[in-house]
Amino acid sequence: MDKNTLDDLASRLADAVPNDIENLAQLRGDMEQNFRALLSDLLDRLELVTREEFDVQRKVLERTREKLDALERELVALQSDSGAD
């Protein structure tokens, strides 16, 4: 999750806090910083990957599967050839 999305989410959470008293405005700012830090920490612990990273790994896995399937076909062909002798 990028910083702008995180900042936007923290701002939305902070917007839920009333802003009608001077001290409450400071509290609101502190809460927004705390929300941002908390959300950032939680997202870091989730070990999320970007869509791009996911797609790259999916393609690697697809190529690996194709190679494995080809090797399995080759092995079956070799086994049947050696059984025909």
C-alpha atoms as a PDB file:
ATOM      1  CA  MET A   1       0.000   0.000   0.000  1.00  0.00           C
ATOM      2  CA  ASP A   2       1.491   3.320  -0.971  1.00  0.00           C
ATOM      3  CA  LYS A   3       2.019   6.275   1.372  1.00  0.00           C
ATOM      4  CA  ASN A   4      -0.764   8.372  -0.197  1.00  0.00           C
ATOM      5  CA  THR A   5      -3.345   5.653   0.373  1.00  0.00           C
ATOM      6  CA  LEU A   6      -2.127   5.225   3.925  1.00  0.00           C
ATOM      7  CA  ASP A   7      -2.266   8.983   4.536  1.00  0.00           C
ATOM      8  CA  ASP A   8      -5.771   9.150   3.087  1.00  0.00           C
ATOM      9  CA  LEU A   9      -7.002   6.325   5.315  1.00  0.00           C
ATOM     10  CA  ALA A  10      -5.422   7.912   8.392  1.00  0.00           C
ATOM     11  CA  SER A  11      -7.054  11.249   7.485  1.00  0.00           C
ATOM     12  CA  ARG A  12     -10.451   9.614   7.126  1.00  0.00           C
ATOM     13  CA  LEU A  13     -10.119   8.009  10.542  1.00  0.00           C
ATOM     14  CA  ALA A  14      -9.044  11.325  12.028  1.00  0.00           C
ATOM     15  CA  ASP A  15     -11.963  13.113  10.320  1.00  0.00           C
ATOM     16  CA  ALA A  16     -14.306  10.998  12.426  1.00  0.00           C
ATOM     17  CA  VAL A  17     -13.031  12.850  15.511  1.00  0.00           C
ATOM     18  CA  PRO A  18     -14.967  16.066  16.299  1.00  0.00           C
ATOM     19  CA  ASN A  19     -12.999  19.269  15.695  1.00  0.00           C
ATOM     20  CA  ASP A  20     -15.017  21.845  17.666  1.00  0.00           C
ATOM     21  CA  ILE A  21     -12.707  22.556  20.628  1.00  0.00           C
ATOM     22  CA  GLU A  22      -9.162  23.948  20.387  1.00  0.00           C
ATOM     23  CA  ASN A  23      -7.582  21.099  22.356  1.00  0.00           C
ATOM     24  CA  LEU A  24      -9.627  18.611  20.399  1.00  0.00           C
ATOM     25  CA  ALA A  25      -8.031  19.899  17.179  1.00  0.00           C
ATOM     26  CA  GLN A  26      -4.579  19.053  18.582  1.00  0.00           C
ATOM     27  CA  LEU A  27      -5.914  15.674  19.725  1.00  0.00           C
ATOM     28  CA  ARG A  28      -7.246  15.105  16.214  1.00  0.00           C
ATOM     29  CA  GLY A  29      -3.799  15.759  14.727  1.00  0.00           C
ATOM     30  CA  ASP A  30      -2.151  13.433  17.228  1.00  0.00           C
ATOM     31  CA  MET A  31      -4.717  10.739  16.503  1.00  0.00           C
ATOM     32  CA  GLU A  32      -4.113  11.052  12.763  1.00  0.00           C
ATOM     33  CA  GLN A  33      -0.378  10.508  13.288  1.00  0.00           C
ATOM     34  CA  ASN A  34      -1.097   7.555  15.555  1.00  0.00           C
ATOM     35  CA  PHE A  35      -3.569   6.081  13.058  1.00  0.00           C
ATOM     36  CA  ARG A  36      -0.972   6.429  10.292  1.00  0.00           C
ATOM     37  CA  ALA A  37       1.718   4.723  12.388  1.00  0.00           C
ATOM     38  CA  LEU A  38      -0.646   1.948  13.484  1.00  0.00           C
ATOM     39  CA  LEU A  39      -1.895   1.273   9.966  1.00  0.00           C
ATOM     40  CA  SER A  40       1.618   1.315   8.562  1.00  0.00           C
ATOM     41  CA  ASP A  41       2.793  -1.162  11.209  1.00  0.00           C
ATOM     42  CA  LEU A  42      -0.171  -3.482  10.623  1.00  0.00           C
ATOM     43  CA  LEU A  43       0.299  -3.459   6.866  1.00  0.00           C
ATOM     44  CA  ASP A  44       4.030  -4.108   7.198  1.00  0.00           C
ATOM     45  CA  ARG A  45       3.319  -7.168   9.322  1.00  0.00           C
ATOM     46  CA  LEU A  46       0.943  -8.545   6.705  1.00  0.00           C
ATOM     47  CA  GLU A  47       3.874  -8.916   4.304  1.00  0.00           C
ATOM     48  CA  LEU A  48       1.731  -7.937   1.328  1.00  0.00           C
ATOM     49  CA  VAL A  49       3.118  -7.907  -2.180  1.00  0.00           C
ATOM     50  CA  THR A  50       2.221  -5.637  -5.044  1.00  0.00           C
ATOM     51  CA  ARG A  51       0.131  -6.884  -7.958  1.00  0.00           C
ATOM     52  CA  GLU A  52       3.247  -6.577 -10.137  1.00  0.00           C
ATOM     53  CA  GLU A  53       5.296  -8.798  -7.789  1.00  0.00           C
ATOM     54  CA  PHE A  54       2.443 -11.307  -7.648  1.00  0.00           C
ATOM     55  CA  ASP A  55       2.138 -11.415 -11.445  1.00  0.00           C
ATOM     56  CA  VAL A  56       5.899 -11.931 -11.856  1.00  0.00           C
ATOM     57  CA  GLN A  57       5.867 -14.855  -9.429  1.00  0.00           C
ATOM     58  CA  ARG A  58       2.775 -16.330 -11.111  1.00  0.00           C
ATOM     59  CA  LYS A  59       4.562 -16.265 -14.480  1.00  0.00           C
ATOM     60  CA  VAL A  60       7.642 -17.911 -12.966  1.00  0.00           C
ATOM     61  CA  LEU A  61       5.437 -20.624 -11.491  1.00  0.00           C
ATOM     62  CA  GLU A  62       3.675 -21.153 -14.829  1.00  0.00           C
ATOM     63  CA  ARG A  63       7.014 -21.569 -16.638  1.00  0.00           C
ATOM     64  CA  THR A  64       8.218 -23.962 -13.949  1.00  0.00           C
ATOM     65  CA  ARG A  65       5.014 -25.999 -14.284  1.00  0.00           C
ATOM     66  CA  GLU A  66       5.461 -26.156 -18.076  1.00  0.00           C
ATOM     67  CA  LYS A  67       9.047 -27.394 -17.694  1.00  0.00           C
ATOM     68  CA  LEU A  68       7.987 -29.981 -15.121  1.00  0.00           C
ATOM     69  CA  ASP A  69       5.196 -31.235 -17.391  1.00  0.00           C
ATOM     70  CA  ALA A  70       7.663 -31.527 -20.306  1.00  0.00           C
ATOM     71  CA  LEU A  71      10.135 -33.447 -18.143  1.00  0.00           C
ATOM     72  CA  GLU A  72       7.378 -35.796 -16.976  1.00  0.00           C
ATOM     73  CA  ARG A  73       6.363 -36.482 -20.597  1.00  0.00           C
ATOM     74  CA  GLU A  74       9.999 -37.098 -21.516  1.00  0.00           C
ATOM     75  CA  LEU A  75      10.428 -39.485 -18.593  1.00  0.00           C
ATOM     76  CA  VAL A  76       7.318 -41.454 -19.589  1.00  0.00           C
ATOM     77  CA  ALA A  77       8.589 -41.656 -23.173  1.00  0.00           C
ATOM     78  CA  LEU A  78      12.025 -42.858 -22.030  1.00  0.00           C
ATOM     79  CA  GLN A  79      10.472 -45.439 -19.724  1.00  0.00           C
ATOM     80  CA  SER A  80       8.236 -46.770 -22.483  1.00  0.00           C
ATOM     81  CA  ASP A  81      11.196 -46.870 -24.919  1.00  0.00           C
ATOM     82  CA  SER A  82      13.327 -48.829 -22.464  1.00  0.00           C
ATOM     83  CA  GLY A  83      10.425 -51.247 -21.838  1.00  0.00           C
ATOM     84  CA  ALA A  84      10.047 -51.900 -25.583  1.00  0.00           C
ATOM     85  CA  ASP A  85      13.639 -53.182 -25.942  1.00  0.00           C
END
